[in-house]
Amino acid sequence: MATRGRRPAKTMPPEIVPIDDLEIVLTRKAIKNMHLRVKPPDGRIEVSAPLRLPLSTIRGFVREKRAWIERQQQAIAASPRAEAAAATPEEVAAWKAVVAACVSPLIAAWEPIMGVKAGTIAYRNMKSRWGSCQPATGRICINVRLALYPPECLEYVVVHELCHLLERGHGPRFHALMDHFMPDWKERRAKLR
């Protein structure tokens, strides 16, 4: 079968590239500019680069950004997310106790304001979600890692999950409800990122 006229791949598989003492995950894509990211929870360094950009240019770019990379990695290492990843079972149990003690009064305060009634409340140590809600049963699950964040973040998650008792998805009506009940919810949410 002839391969004439075939287009090159738009994204190449990621590859590990050592640059000095750093290990970079390099992905070449059909893009115009290079992008550098330092990713939680471990501070992994990722570079997206144009398909034909010389490796020497990529190496120079990463070396130039070395101080910024180190600052980002230090911030990630000092973050609650990193602390949570290294937690002992005893620490997780302590977080659960703190969160459980705070959630009940928050729900009791917000239910009459929002005109909803929560069902069972559960607590879990979750890596990728702050909470969840099953509108059909009213069951709400709260992440115990919220104990590591300011109290306004826990209140935001409680209101967010209670809003799901009024609106299942995250569409315009859900956002309008959040705006109505908690006008500063976006600022609170930003503290969890």
N, C-alpha and C. Protein backbone atom coordinates (compact mmCIF):
# COMPACT_ATOMS: atom_id res chain seq x y z
N MET A 1 0.84 -1.18 0.00
CA MET A 1 0.00 0.00 0.00
C MET A 1 0.89 1.25 0.00
N ALA A 2 0.61 2.18 -0.82
CA ALA A 2 1.42 3.40 -0.93
C ALA A 2 1.15 4.32 0.24
N THR A 3 2.22 5.00 0.69
CA THR A 3 2.07 5.94 1.81
C THR A 3 2.17 7.38 1.33
N ARG A 4 2.19 7.54 0.00
CA ARG A 4 2.29 8.86 -0.57
C ARG A 4 1.12 9.74 -0.11
N GLY A 5 1.41 11.00 0.22
CA GLY A 5 0.35 11.91 0.61
C GLY A 5 -0.07 11.80 2.06
N ARG A 6 0.57 10.91 2.82
CA ARG A 6 0.20 10.77 4.23
C ARG A 6 0.70 11.95 5.03
N ARG A 7 -0.11 12.42 5.94
CA ARG A 7 0.28 13.54 6.79
C ARG A 7 1.06 13.01 8.00
N PRO A 8 2.03 13.80 8.48
CA PRO A 8 2.74 13.38 9.68
C PRO A 8 1.81 13.43 10.90
N ALA A 9 2.17 12.65 11.91
CA ALA A 9 1.37 12.64 13.13
C ALA A 9 1.34 14.04 13.74
N LYS A 10 0.21 14.43 14.32
CA LYS A 10 0.09 15.75 14.92
C LYS A 10 0.69 15.79 16.31
N THR A 11 0.77 14.65 16.96
CA THR A 11 1.38 14.57 18.29
C THR A 11 2.23 13.32 18.35
N MET A 12 3.47 13.49 18.77
CA MET A 12 4.38 12.35 18.93
C MET A 12 4.21 11.81 20.36
N PRO A 13 4.52 10.53 20.57
CA PRO A 13 4.43 9.99 21.93
C PRO A 13 5.42 10.72 22.85
N PRO A 14 5.07 10.91 24.12
CA PRO A 14 5.99 11.58 25.04
C PRO A 14 7.29 10.80 25.19
N GLU A 15 8.38 11.52 25.40
CA GLU A 15 9.68 10.88 25.64
C GLU A 15 10.35 11.56 26.83
N ILE A 16 11.18 10.81 27.53
CA ILE A 16 11.93 11.34 28.66
C ILE A 16 13.25 11.89 28.12
N VAL A 17 13.54 13.15 28.43
CA VAL A 17 14.76 13.80 27.97
C VAL A 17 15.51 14.34 29.18
N PRO A 18 16.73 13.88 29.41
CA PRO A 18 17.51 14.45 30.51
C PRO A 18 18.11 15.80 30.07
N ILE A 19 17.97 16.78 30.94
CA ILE A 19 18.57 18.09 30.70
C ILE A 19 19.29 18.46 32.00
N ASP A 20 20.63 18.40 31.96
CA ASP A 20 21.45 18.55 33.16
C ASP A 20 20.99 17.49 34.16
N ASP A 21 20.58 17.88 35.38
CA ASP A 21 20.12 16.89 36.35
C ASP A 21 18.60 16.80 36.39
N LEU A 22 17.92 17.41 35.43
CA LEU A 22 16.46 17.36 35.36
C LEU A 22 16.01 16.29 34.37
N GLU A 23 14.85 15.73 34.64
CA GLU A 23 14.23 14.79 33.72
C GLU A 23 12.96 15.44 33.18
N ILE A 24 12.89 15.62 31.88
CA ILE A 24 11.78 16.32 31.23
C ILE A 24 10.93 15.32 30.47
N VAL A 25 9.62 15.46 30.56
CA VAL A 25 8.71 14.69 29.71
C VAL A 25 8.39 15.60 28.52
N LEU A 26 8.94 15.24 27.37
CA LEU A 26 8.81 16.05 26.16
C LEU A 26 7.76 15.45 25.23
N THR A 27 6.82 16.28 24.82
CA THR A 27 5.82 15.87 23.84
C THR A 27 5.89 16.86 22.68
N ARG A 28 6.14 16.32 21.50
CA ARG A 28 6.19 17.16 20.30
C ARG A 28 4.80 17.14 19.65
N LYS A 29 4.33 18.37 19.32
CA LYS A 29 2.98 18.52 18.78
C LYS A 29 2.99 19.50 17.62
N ALA A 30 1.88 19.52 16.91
CA ALA A 30 1.70 20.50 15.82
C ALA A 30 1.25 21.82 16.44
N ILE A 31 2.19 22.49 17.12
CA ILE A 31 1.94 23.78 17.75
C ILE A 31 3.02 24.76 17.31
N LYS A 32 2.80 26.04 17.58
CA LYS A 32 3.76 27.06 17.16
C LYS A 32 4.76 27.41 18.27
N ASN A 33 4.32 27.36 19.51
CA ASN A 33 5.16 27.79 20.64
C ASN A 33 5.41 26.64 21.61
N MET A 34 6.49 26.77 22.35
CA MET A 34 6.85 25.79 23.37
C MET A 34 6.12 26.14 24.67
N HIS A 35 5.72 25.11 25.42
CA HIS A 35 5.03 25.30 26.69
C HIS A 35 5.73 24.45 27.76
N LEU A 36 5.90 25.05 28.93
CA LEU A 36 6.56 24.39 30.06
C LEU A 36 5.60 24.35 31.23
N ARG A 37 5.46 23.17 31.85
CA ARG A 37 4.58 23.01 33.01
C ARG A 37 5.30 22.19 34.07
N VAL A 38 5.04 22.51 35.32
CA VAL A 38 5.50 21.71 36.45
C VAL A 38 4.24 21.18 37.11
N LYS A 39 4.08 19.86 37.11
CA LYS A 39 2.81 19.24 37.48
C LYS A 39 2.82 18.63 38.88
N PRO A 40 1.77 18.91 39.65
CA PRO A 40 1.61 18.20 40.92
C PRO A 40 1.21 16.75 40.65
N PRO A 41 1.32 15.85 41.58
CA PRO A 41 1.76 16.10 42.95
C PRO A 41 3.26 15.98 43.14
N ASP A 42 4.00 15.55 42.11
CA ASP A 42 5.43 15.24 42.30
C ASP A 42 6.37 16.25 41.66
N GLY A 43 5.85 17.31 41.04
CA GLY A 43 6.70 18.32 40.43
C GLY A 43 7.30 17.91 39.10
N ARG A 44 6.65 16.95 38.43
CA ARG A 44 7.13 16.49 37.12
C ARG A 44 7.18 17.66 36.14
N ILE A 45 8.22 17.70 35.33
CA ILE A 45 8.41 18.78 34.36
C ILE A 45 7.98 18.28 32.99
N GLU A 46 7.03 19.01 32.38
CA GLU A 46 6.53 18.64 31.06
C GLU A 46 6.77 19.78 30.09
N VAL A 47 7.23 19.44 28.90
CA VAL A 47 7.43 20.42 27.84
C VAL A 47 6.67 19.95 26.61
N SER A 48 5.86 20.85 26.04
CA SER A 48 5.24 20.62 24.74
C SER A 48 5.99 21.51 23.76
N ALA A 49 6.45 20.93 22.66
CA ALA A 49 7.26 21.69 21.70
C ALA A 49 6.79 21.41 20.28
N PRO A 50 7.01 22.38 19.38
CA PRO A 50 6.69 22.15 17.97
C PRO A 50 7.43 20.92 17.43
N LEU A 51 6.82 20.25 16.48
CA LEU A 51 7.33 18.99 15.95
C LEU A 51 8.79 19.07 15.51
N ARG A 52 9.18 20.12 14.81
CA ARG A 52 10.52 20.20 14.23
C ARG A 52 11.50 21.06 15.02
N LEU A 53 11.13 21.48 16.21
CA LEU A 53 12.02 22.33 17.00
C LEU A 53 13.25 21.53 17.44
N PRO A 54 14.45 22.05 17.21
CA PRO A 54 15.66 21.30 17.59
C PRO A 54 15.75 21.07 19.10
N LEU A 55 16.26 19.91 19.47
CA LEU A 55 16.41 19.57 20.89
C LEU A 55 17.31 20.58 21.59
N SER A 56 18.29 21.13 20.89
CA SER A 56 19.17 22.11 21.51
C SER A 56 18.39 23.36 21.94
N THR A 57 17.40 23.75 21.18
CA THR A 57 16.56 24.90 21.53
C THR A 57 15.72 24.59 22.77
N ILE A 58 15.20 23.37 22.83
CA ILE A 58 14.40 22.95 23.99
C ILE A 58 15.26 22.92 25.24
N ARG A 59 16.46 22.36 25.13
CA ARG A 59 17.39 22.32 26.27
C ARG A 59 17.70 23.74 26.77
N GLY A 60 17.97 24.65 25.83
CA GLY A 60 18.27 26.03 26.21
C GLY A 60 17.11 26.70 26.91
N PHE A 61 15.89 26.45 26.43
CA PHE A 61 14.68 27.01 27.03
C PHE A 61 14.52 26.51 28.47
N VAL A 62 14.69 25.20 28.68
CA VAL A 62 14.54 24.63 30.03
C VAL A 62 15.62 25.18 30.96
N ARG A 63 16.84 25.28 30.49
CA ARG A 63 17.93 25.83 31.32
C ARG A 63 17.64 27.29 31.70
N GLU A 64 17.11 28.05 30.76
CA GLU A 64 16.76 29.44 31.02
C GLU A 64 15.67 29.56 32.10
N LYS A 65 14.78 28.60 32.16
CA LYS A 65 13.65 28.62 33.09
C LYS A 65 13.94 27.85 34.38
N ARG A 66 15.19 27.47 34.61
CA ARG A 66 15.56 26.62 35.75
C ARG A 66 15.10 27.19 37.09
N ALA A 67 15.33 28.47 37.34
CA ALA A 67 14.93 29.07 38.62
C ALA A 67 13.41 29.01 38.80
N TRP A 68 12.66 29.28 37.73
CA TRP A 68 11.20 29.20 37.80
C TRP A 68 10.75 27.77 38.09
N ILE A 69 11.36 26.80 37.43
CA ILE A 69 11.03 25.39 37.65
C ILE A 69 11.24 25.02 39.12
N GLU A 70 12.37 25.43 39.68
CA GLU A 70 12.67 25.10 41.08
C GLU A 70 11.67 25.76 42.03
N ARG A 71 11.27 27.00 41.75
CA ARG A 71 10.26 27.66 42.60
C ARG A 71 8.93 26.90 42.54
N GLN A 72 8.53 26.48 41.34
CA GLN A 72 7.28 25.73 41.20
C GLN A 72 7.34 24.40 41.95
N GLN A 73 8.47 23.71 41.84
CA GLN A 73 8.62 22.42 42.53
C GLN A 73 8.60 22.60 44.04
N GLN A 74 9.21 23.67 44.54
CA GLN A 74 9.18 23.93 45.98
C GLN A 74 7.76 24.23 46.45
N ALA A 75 7.02 25.00 45.67
CA ALA A 75 5.64 25.31 46.03
C ALA A 75 4.78 24.05 46.05
N ILE A 76 4.99 23.18 45.08
CA ILE A 76 4.24 21.92 45.04
C ILE A 76 4.59 21.05 46.24
N ALA A 77 5.89 20.96 46.56
CA ALA A 77 6.33 20.13 47.69
C ALA A 77 5.77 20.63 49.01
N ALA A 78 5.52 21.93 49.13
CA ALA A 78 5.01 22.51 50.37
C ALA A 78 3.49 22.59 50.40
N SER A 79 2.83 22.13 49.34
CA SER A 79 1.38 22.27 49.24
C SER A 79 0.65 21.20 50.04
N PRO A 80 -0.61 21.47 50.39
CA PRO A 80 -1.42 20.45 51.06
C PRO A 80 -1.54 19.17 50.24
N ARG A 81 -1.54 19.30 48.92
CA ARG A 81 -1.65 18.11 48.05
C ARG A 81 -0.47 17.16 48.29
N ALA A 82 0.73 17.72 48.41
CA ALA A 82 1.92 16.89 48.66
C ALA A 82 1.84 16.28 50.06
N GLU A 83 1.39 17.06 51.02
CA GLU A 83 1.24 16.55 52.39
C GLU A 83 0.25 15.39 52.40
N ALA A 84 -0.83 15.53 51.67
CA ALA A 84 -1.86 14.48 51.62
C ALA A 84 -1.32 13.21 50.99
N ALA A 85 -0.49 13.35 49.97
CA ALA A 85 0.05 12.18 49.28
C ALA A 85 0.97 11.36 50.19
N ALA A 86 1.57 12.01 51.19
CA ALA A 86 2.50 11.32 52.09
C ALA A 86 1.89 11.00 53.45
N ALA A 87 0.58 11.13 53.58
CA ALA A 87 -0.07 10.99 54.88
C ALA A 87 -0.10 9.55 55.38
N THR A 88 -0.04 9.43 56.69
CA THR A 88 -0.18 8.14 57.36
C THR A 88 -1.67 7.87 57.60
N PRO A 89 -2.04 6.63 57.87
CA PRO A 89 -3.45 6.35 58.19
C PRO A 89 -3.94 7.14 59.41
N GLU A 90 -3.05 7.38 60.36
CA GLU A 90 -3.43 8.15 61.55
C GLU A 90 -3.75 9.60 61.19
N GLU A 91 -2.96 10.17 60.27
CA GLU A 91 -3.23 11.54 59.83
C GLU A 91 -4.56 11.62 59.09
N VAL A 92 -4.82 10.64 58.24
CA VAL A 92 -6.08 10.62 57.50
C VAL A 92 -7.26 10.51 58.47
N ALA A 93 -7.12 9.70 59.50
CA ALA A 93 -8.18 9.57 60.51
C ALA A 93 -8.41 10.90 61.24
N ALA A 94 -7.33 11.61 61.52
CA ALA A 94 -7.46 12.91 62.19
C ALA A 94 -8.16 13.91 61.26
N TRP A 95 -7.82 13.90 59.98
CA TRP A 95 -8.49 14.79 59.03
C TRP A 95 -9.98 14.49 58.98
N LYS A 96 -10.31 13.20 58.97
CA LYS A 96 -11.72 12.80 58.92
C LYS A 96 -12.47 13.34 60.13
N ALA A 97 -11.86 13.26 61.30
CA ALA A 97 -12.51 13.75 62.52
C ALA A 97 -12.76 15.25 62.43
N VAL A 98 -11.78 15.99 61.93
CA VAL A 98 -11.92 17.45 61.81
C VAL A 98 -13.02 17.80 60.82
N VAL A 99 -12.97 17.17 59.64
CA VAL A 99 -13.95 17.47 58.59
C VAL A 99 -15.35 17.09 59.05
N ALA A 100 -15.50 15.91 59.64
CA ALA A 100 -16.82 15.46 60.10
C ALA A 100 -17.39 16.42 61.15
N ALA A 101 -16.54 16.93 62.03
CA ALA A 101 -17.01 17.85 63.07
C ALA A 101 -17.49 19.17 62.47
N CYS A 102 -16.92 19.56 61.32
CA CYS A 102 -17.29 20.83 60.69
C CYS A 102 -18.45 20.71 59.71
N VAL A 103 -18.56 19.58 59.05
CA VAL A 103 -19.56 19.44 57.98
C VAL A 103 -20.99 19.45 58.52
N SER A 104 -21.25 18.75 59.61
CA SER A 104 -22.63 18.69 60.13
C SER A 104 -23.20 20.08 60.42
N PRO A 105 -22.47 20.96 61.14
CA PRO A 105 -23.02 22.30 61.35
C PRO A 105 -23.18 23.10 60.06
N LEU A 106 -22.27 22.91 59.11
CA LEU A 106 -22.39 23.61 57.83
C LEU A 106 -23.65 23.17 57.08
N ILE A 107 -23.89 21.87 57.04
CA ILE A 107 -25.08 21.37 56.36
C ILE A 107 -26.34 21.87 57.06
N ALA A 108 -26.33 21.81 58.40
CA ALA A 108 -27.48 22.29 59.16
C ALA A 108 -27.76 23.77 58.89
N ALA A 109 -26.71 24.55 58.71
CA ALA A 109 -26.88 25.98 58.43
C ALA A 109 -27.37 26.24 57.01
N TRP A 110 -26.85 25.48 56.04
CA TRP A 110 -27.15 25.75 54.63
C TRP A 110 -28.44 25.11 54.13
N GLU A 111 -28.86 23.99 54.71
CA GLU A 111 -30.09 23.33 54.22
C GLU A 111 -31.30 24.27 54.20
N PRO A 112 -31.60 24.98 55.31
CA PRO A 112 -32.78 25.87 55.26
C PRO A 112 -32.60 27.05 54.29
N ILE A 113 -31.39 27.55 54.15
CA ILE A 113 -31.12 28.66 53.23
C ILE A 113 -31.39 28.21 51.79
N MET A 114 -30.97 26.98 51.47
CA MET A 114 -31.06 26.49 50.10
C MET A 114 -32.36 25.72 49.82
N GLY A 115 -33.08 25.37 50.88
CA GLY A 115 -34.32 24.62 50.71
C GLY A 115 -34.10 23.19 50.27
N VAL A 116 -33.03 22.56 50.78
CA VAL A 116 -32.71 21.18 50.43
C VAL A 116 -32.54 20.37 51.71
N LYS A 117 -32.49 19.05 51.54
CA LYS A 117 -32.25 18.15 52.67
C LYS A 117 -31.27 17.09 52.22
N ALA A 118 -30.09 17.09 52.83
CA ALA A 118 -29.07 16.09 52.50
C ALA A 118 -29.45 14.74 53.10
N GLY A 119 -28.98 13.70 52.46
CA GLY A 119 -29.17 12.35 52.98
C GLY A 119 -27.96 11.95 53.81
N THR A 120 -27.46 10.76 53.57
CA THR A 120 -26.29 10.26 54.28
C THR A 120 -25.06 11.09 53.93
N ILE A 121 -24.22 11.35 54.92
CA ILE A 121 -22.97 12.06 54.69
C ILE A 121 -21.84 11.05 54.90
N ALA A 122 -20.94 10.97 53.93
CA ALA A 122 -19.80 10.05 54.01
C ALA A 122 -18.52 10.86 53.86
N TYR A 123 -17.42 10.28 54.34
CA TYR A 123 -16.12 10.95 54.29
C TYR A 123 -15.11 9.97 53.72
N ARG A 124 -14.34 10.45 52.71
CA ARG A 124 -13.33 9.59 52.08
C ARG A 124 -12.07 10.38 51.80
N ASN A 125 -10.96 9.68 51.75
CA ASN A 125 -9.68 10.26 51.36
C ASN A 125 -9.57 10.08 49.85
N MET A 126 -9.89 11.14 49.08
CA MET A 126 -9.93 11.03 47.62
C MET A 126 -8.81 11.87 47.00
N LYS A 127 -8.21 11.35 45.94
CA LYS A 127 -7.11 12.06 45.28
C LYS A 127 -7.60 13.10 44.28
N SER A 128 -8.72 12.86 43.62
CA SER A 128 -9.08 13.71 42.50
C SER A 128 -10.41 14.46 42.64
N ARG A 129 -11.13 14.28 43.74
CA ARG A 129 -12.41 14.96 43.89
C ARG A 129 -12.50 15.55 45.28
N TRP A 130 -13.16 16.70 45.39
CA TRP A 130 -13.35 17.31 46.71
C TRP A 130 -14.65 16.82 47.34
N GLY A 131 -15.57 16.38 46.52
CA GLY A 131 -16.83 15.89 47.04
C GLY A 131 -17.63 15.27 45.92
N SER A 132 -18.73 14.65 46.30
CA SER A 132 -19.65 14.09 45.30
C SER A 132 -21.04 14.08 45.91
N CYS A 133 -22.03 14.00 45.03
CA CYS A 133 -23.43 14.00 45.47
C CYS A 133 -24.22 13.07 44.57
N GLN A 134 -25.08 12.30 45.19
CA GLN A 134 -26.03 11.46 44.46
C GLN A 134 -27.41 12.07 44.67
N PRO A 135 -27.86 12.91 43.75
CA PRO A 135 -29.12 13.62 43.95
C PRO A 135 -30.32 12.72 44.23
N ALA A 136 -30.35 11.52 43.65
CA ALA A 136 -31.50 10.62 43.84
C ALA A 136 -31.67 10.21 45.30
N THR A 137 -30.54 10.02 46.00
CA THR A 137 -30.61 9.58 47.40
C THR A 137 -30.26 10.69 48.38
N GLY A 138 -29.65 11.77 47.87
CA GLY A 138 -29.20 12.85 48.75
C GLY A 138 -27.88 12.57 49.42
N ARG A 139 -27.24 11.44 49.08
CA ARG A 139 -25.97 11.07 49.70
C ARG A 139 -24.87 12.02 49.23
N ILE A 140 -24.12 12.55 50.20
CA ILE A 140 -23.02 13.46 49.91
C ILE A 140 -21.75 12.87 50.49
N CYS A 141 -20.70 12.90 49.70
CA CYS A 141 -19.39 12.42 50.16
C CYS A 141 -18.43 13.61 50.14
N ILE A 142 -17.69 13.77 51.22
CA ILE A 142 -16.76 14.89 51.37
C ILE A 142 -15.34 14.34 51.53
N ASN A 143 -14.39 14.97 50.85
CA ASN A 143 -12.99 14.57 50.91
C ASN A 143 -12.37 15.03 52.23
N VAL A 144 -11.77 14.09 52.97
CA VAL A 144 -11.17 14.43 54.27
C VAL A 144 -9.94 15.31 54.11
N ARG A 145 -9.35 15.36 52.91
CA ARG A 145 -8.18 16.22 52.67
C ARG A 145 -8.52 17.71 52.80
N LEU A 146 -9.80 18.03 52.82
CA LEU A 146 -10.20 19.43 53.00
C LEU A 146 -9.76 19.97 54.36
N ALA A 147 -9.41 19.09 55.29
CA ALA A 147 -8.89 19.52 56.59
C ALA A 147 -7.58 20.30 56.43
N LEU A 148 -6.90 20.13 55.31
CA LEU A 148 -5.61 20.78 55.07
C LEU A 148 -5.76 22.17 54.46
N TYR A 149 -6.98 22.58 54.16
CA TYR A 149 -7.23 23.84 53.48
C TYR A 149 -7.99 24.80 54.40
N PRO A 150 -8.05 26.08 54.04
CA PRO A 150 -8.80 27.04 54.87
C PRO A 150 -10.27 26.63 54.99
N PRO A 151 -10.90 26.97 56.12
CA PRO A 151 -12.30 26.56 56.36
C PRO A 151 -13.27 26.98 55.27
N GLU A 152 -13.02 28.13 54.62
CA GLU A 152 -13.94 28.57 53.57
C GLU A 152 -13.97 27.61 52.39
N CYS A 153 -12.93 26.82 52.22
CA CYS A 153 -12.90 25.83 51.14
C CYS A 153 -13.86 24.68 51.44
N LEU A 154 -13.89 24.24 52.69
CA LEU A 154 -14.82 23.18 53.09
C LEU A 154 -16.25 23.67 52.92
N GLU A 155 -16.52 24.90 53.33
CA GLU A 155 -17.87 25.44 53.18
C GLU A 155 -18.26 25.51 51.71
N TYR A 156 -17.32 25.91 50.86
CA TYR A 156 -17.59 25.94 49.41
C TYR A 156 -17.98 24.56 48.91
N VAL A 157 -17.24 23.52 49.29
CA VAL A 157 -17.54 22.16 48.81
C VAL A 157 -18.91 21.71 49.32
N VAL A 158 -19.22 22.01 50.56
CA VAL A 158 -20.54 21.64 51.11
C VAL A 158 -21.65 22.31 50.29
N VAL A 159 -21.54 23.60 50.05
CA VAL A 159 -22.57 24.31 49.27
C VAL A 159 -22.63 23.77 47.85
N HIS A 160 -21.47 23.50 47.26
CA HIS A 160 -21.41 22.93 45.91
C HIS A 160 -22.21 21.62 45.84
N GLU A 161 -21.95 20.73 46.80
CA GLU A 161 -22.64 19.43 46.77
C GLU A 161 -24.13 19.60 47.08
N LEU A 162 -24.49 20.50 47.96
CA LEU A 162 -25.91 20.74 48.23
C LEU A 162 -26.61 21.32 47.00
N CYS A 163 -25.91 22.12 46.22
CA CYS A 163 -26.49 22.66 44.97
C CYS A 163 -26.84 21.54 44.00
N HIS A 164 -26.10 20.43 44.08
CA HIS A 164 -26.41 19.30 43.19
C HIS A 164 -27.75 18.66 43.55
N LEU A 165 -28.27 18.92 44.73
CA LEU A 165 -29.61 18.44 45.07
C LEU A 165 -30.66 19.25 44.32
N LEU A 166 -30.26 20.43 43.83
CA LEU A 166 -31.16 21.28 43.04
C LEU A 166 -30.90 21.18 41.54
N GLU A 167 -29.65 20.90 41.17
CA GLU A 167 -29.24 20.81 39.77
C GLU A 167 -28.13 19.78 39.64
N ARG A 168 -28.38 18.72 38.86
CA ARG A 168 -27.43 17.60 38.77
C ARG A 168 -26.08 17.97 38.17
N GLY A 169 -26.07 18.66 37.06
CA GLY A 169 -24.83 18.92 36.34
C GLY A 169 -24.15 20.21 36.76
N HIS A 170 -23.17 20.62 35.94
CA HIS A 170 -22.41 21.85 36.21
C HIS A 170 -22.69 22.91 35.15
N GLY A 171 -23.89 22.94 34.64
CA GLY A 171 -24.25 23.88 33.58
C GLY A 171 -24.58 25.27 34.11
N PRO A 172 -25.15 26.11 33.24
CA PRO A 172 -25.45 27.50 33.61
C PRO A 172 -26.37 27.63 34.83
N ARG A 173 -27.35 26.75 34.94
CA ARG A 173 -28.26 26.83 36.11
C ARG A 173 -27.50 26.54 37.40
N PHE A 174 -26.60 25.55 37.36
CA PHE A 174 -25.80 25.23 38.55
C PHE A 174 -24.95 26.44 38.95
N HIS A 175 -24.28 27.05 37.96
CA HIS A 175 -23.44 28.21 38.26
C HIS A 175 -24.26 29.38 38.79
N ALA A 176 -25.47 29.54 38.26
CA ALA A 176 -26.36 30.60 38.75
C ALA A 176 -26.74 30.35 40.21
N LEU A 177 -26.98 29.08 40.55
CA LEU A 177 -27.30 28.74 41.94
C LEU A 177 -26.10 29.03 42.85
N MET A 178 -24.91 28.65 42.42
CA MET A 178 -23.71 28.92 43.22
C MET A 178 -23.52 30.43 43.38
N ASP A 179 -23.72 31.19 42.29
CA ASP A 179 -23.60 32.65 42.37
C ASP A 179 -24.60 33.24 43.37
N HIS A 180 -25.80 32.68 43.37
CA HIS A 180 -26.85 33.18 44.27
C HIS A 180 -26.53 32.87 45.73
N PHE A 181 -26.19 31.62 46.02
CA PHE A 181 -25.98 31.22 47.41
C PHE A 181 -24.62 31.62 47.96
N MET A 182 -23.59 31.62 47.11
CA MET A 182 -22.23 31.91 47.58
C MET A 182 -21.51 32.74 46.51
N PRO A 183 -21.73 34.06 46.51
CA PRO A 183 -21.17 34.90 45.45
C PRO A 183 -19.64 34.81 45.29
N ASP A 184 -18.92 34.45 46.34
CA ASP A 184 -17.45 34.36 46.24
C ASP A 184 -16.95 32.94 46.02
N TRP A 185 -17.82 32.07 45.50
CA TRP A 185 -17.44 30.66 45.37
C TRP A 185 -16.24 30.45 44.46
N LYS A 186 -16.04 31.25 43.44
CA LYS A 186 -14.90 31.07 42.53
C LYS A 186 -13.58 31.35 43.24
N GLU A 187 -13.56 32.36 44.11
CA GLU A 187 -12.35 32.65 44.88
C GLU A 187 -12.04 31.51 45.85
N ARG A 188 -13.08 30.96 46.47
CA ARG A 188 -12.89 29.82 47.38
C ARG A 188 -12.37 28.61 46.62
N ARG A 189 -12.96 28.33 45.48
CA ARG A 189 -12.54 27.20 44.66
C ARG A 189 -11.08 27.35 44.24
N ALA A 190 -10.67 28.57 43.92
CA ALA A 190 -9.29 28.80 43.46
C ALA A 190 -8.26 28.38 44.52
N LYS A 191 -8.63 28.45 45.79
CA LYS A 191 -7.71 28.06 46.86
C LYS A 191 -7.47 26.54 46.90
N LEU A 192 -8.32 25.79 46.23
CA LEU A 192 -8.19 24.33 46.19
C LEU A 192 -7.34 23.86 45.01
N ARG A 193 -6.91 24.77 44.15
CA ARG A 193 -6.16 24.38 42.95
C ARG A 193 -4.67 24.49 43.18
